[in-house]
Amino acid sequence: MIIVPVKEGENIERSLKKFKRKFEKTGVMRELRSRQAFYKPSVVGRQQKLKAIYVQQLQQVEE
């Protein structure tokens, strides 16, 4: 359960923003989306490998 303490006189929009940030950090929505479909372990591994290659190429271009 996410609890966001609201101080007196604090803007409700600011409190809502804090709540949304905490909710994103928990990763609940990411988990739900990933569980909507089953991906074979080989497909997941391939995607991770391609992402790692992409990130490495970006880092090499920076240097």
C-alpha atoms as a PDB file:
ATOM      1  CA  MET A   1       0.000   0.000   0.000  1.00  0.00           C
ATOM      2  CA  ILE A   2       1.325   3.405  -0.959  1.00  0.00           C
ATOM      3  CA  ILE A   3       0.998   6.106   1.666  1.00  0.00           C
ATOM      4  CA  VAL A   4       1.621   9.757   0.843  1.00  0.00           C
ATOM      5  CA  PRO A   5       1.578  12.093   3.834  1.00  0.00           C
ATOM      6  CA  VAL A   6      -0.091  15.403   2.984  1.00  0.00           C
ATOM      7  CA  LYS A   7       1.066  18.445   4.916  1.00  0.00           C
ATOM      8  CA  GLU A   8      -1.387  21.162   5.851  1.00  0.00           C
ATOM      9  CA  GLY A   9      -1.692  23.767   3.146  1.00  0.00           C
ATOM     10  CA  GLU A  10       0.078  21.556   0.618  1.00  0.00           C
ATOM     11  CA  ASN A  11      -1.311  21.609  -2.899  1.00  0.00           C
ATOM     12  CA  ILE A  12      -3.328  18.482  -3.759  1.00  0.00           C
ATOM     13  CA  GLU A  13      -1.712  18.344  -7.204  1.00  0.00           C
ATOM     14  CA  ARG A  14       1.715  18.132  -5.592  1.00  0.00           C
ATOM     15  CA  SER A  15       0.549  15.245  -3.413  1.00  0.00           C
ATOM     16  CA  LEU A  16      -0.894  13.498  -6.450  1.00  0.00           C
ATOM     17  CA  LYS A  17       2.430  13.929  -8.241  1.00  0.00           C
ATOM     18  CA  LYS A  18       4.225  12.318  -5.273  1.00  0.00           C
ATOM     19  CA  PHE A  19       1.765   9.425  -5.362  1.00  0.00           C
ATOM     20  CA  LYS A  20       2.262   8.872  -9.085  1.00  0.00           C
ATOM     21  CA  ARG A  21       6.052   8.888  -8.655  1.00  0.00           C
ATOM     22  CA  LYS A  22       5.894   6.319  -5.850  1.00  0.00           C
ATOM     23  CA  PHE A  23       3.502   4.190  -7.894  1.00  0.00           C
ATOM     24  CA  GLU A  24       5.858   4.227 -10.892  1.00  0.00           C
ATOM     25  CA  LYS A  25       8.787   3.181  -8.700  1.00  0.00           C
ATOM     26  CA  THR A  26       6.929   0.103  -7.490  1.00  0.00           C
ATOM     27  CA  GLY A  27       6.749  -1.182 -11.090  1.00  0.00           C
ATOM     28  CA  VAL A  28       3.196  -2.511 -10.787  1.00  0.00           C
ATOM     29  CA  MET A  29       2.083  -1.325 -14.232  1.00  0.00           C
ATOM     30  CA  ARG A  30       5.247  -2.647 -15.883  1.00  0.00           C
ATOM     31  CA  GLU A  31       4.628  -6.027 -14.288  1.00  0.00           C
ATOM     32  CA  LEU A  32       0.980  -6.099 -15.404  1.00  0.00           C
ATOM     33  CA  ARG A  33       1.884  -5.234 -18.980  1.00  0.00           C
ATOM     34  CA  SER A  34       4.594  -7.863 -19.094  1.00  0.00           C
ATOM     35  CA  ARG A  35       2.157 -10.526 -17.849  1.00  0.00           C
ATOM     36  CA  GLN A  36      -0.420  -9.822 -20.543  1.00  0.00           C
ATOM     37  CA  ALA A  37       1.447 -12.015 -22.992  1.00  0.00           C
ATOM     38  CA  PHE A  38       3.879 -14.884 -22.608  1.00  0.00           C
ATOM     39  CA  TYR A  39       7.242 -14.560 -24.296  1.00  0.00           C
ATOM     40  CA  LYS A  40       9.508 -17.547 -24.725  1.00  0.00           C
ATOM     41  CA  PRO A  41      12.787 -17.309 -22.806  1.00  0.00           C
ATOM     42  CA  SER A  42      14.714 -17.377 -26.087  1.00  0.00           C
ATOM     43  CA  VAL A  43      12.795 -14.339 -27.348  1.00  0.00           C
ATOM     44  CA  VAL A  44      13.359 -12.454 -24.089  1.00  0.00           C
ATOM     45  CA  GLY A  45      17.060 -13.243 -24.189  1.00  0.00           C
ATOM     46  CA  ARG A  46      17.327 -12.097 -27.790  1.00  0.00           C
ATOM     47  CA  GLN A  47      15.599  -8.795 -26.958  1.00  0.00           C
ATOM     48  CA  GLN A  48      17.907  -8.202 -23.996  1.00  0.00           C
ATOM     49  CA  LYS A  49      20.942  -8.963 -26.149  1.00  0.00           C
ATOM     50  CA  LEU A  50      19.814  -6.562 -28.885  1.00  0.00           C
ATOM     51  CA  LYS A  51      19.153  -3.854 -26.302  1.00  0.00           C
ATOM     52  CA  ALA A  52      22.608  -4.365 -24.770  1.00  0.00           C
ATOM     53  CA  ILE A  53      24.218  -4.084 -28.220  1.00  0.00           C
ATOM     54  CA  TYR A  54      22.265  -0.901 -28.927  1.00  0.00           C
ATOM     55  CA  VAL A  55      23.257   0.694 -25.606  1.00  0.00           C
ATOM     56  CA  GLN A  56      26.895  -0.267 -26.134  1.00  0.00           C
ATOM     57  CA  GLN A  57      26.894   1.328 -29.579  1.00  0.00           C
ATOM     58  CA  LEU A  58      25.415   4.523 -28.127  1.00  0.00           C
ATOM     59  CA  GLN A  59      28.150   4.641 -25.492  1.00  0.00           C
ATOM     60  CA  GLN A  60      30.870   4.125 -28.123  1.00  0.00           C
ATOM     61  CA  VAL A  61      29.483   6.973 -30.214  1.00  0.00           C
ATOM     62  CA  GLU A  62      29.587   9.255 -27.146  1.00  0.00           C
ATOM     63  CA  GLU A  63      33.264   8.550 -26.552  1.00  0.00           C
END
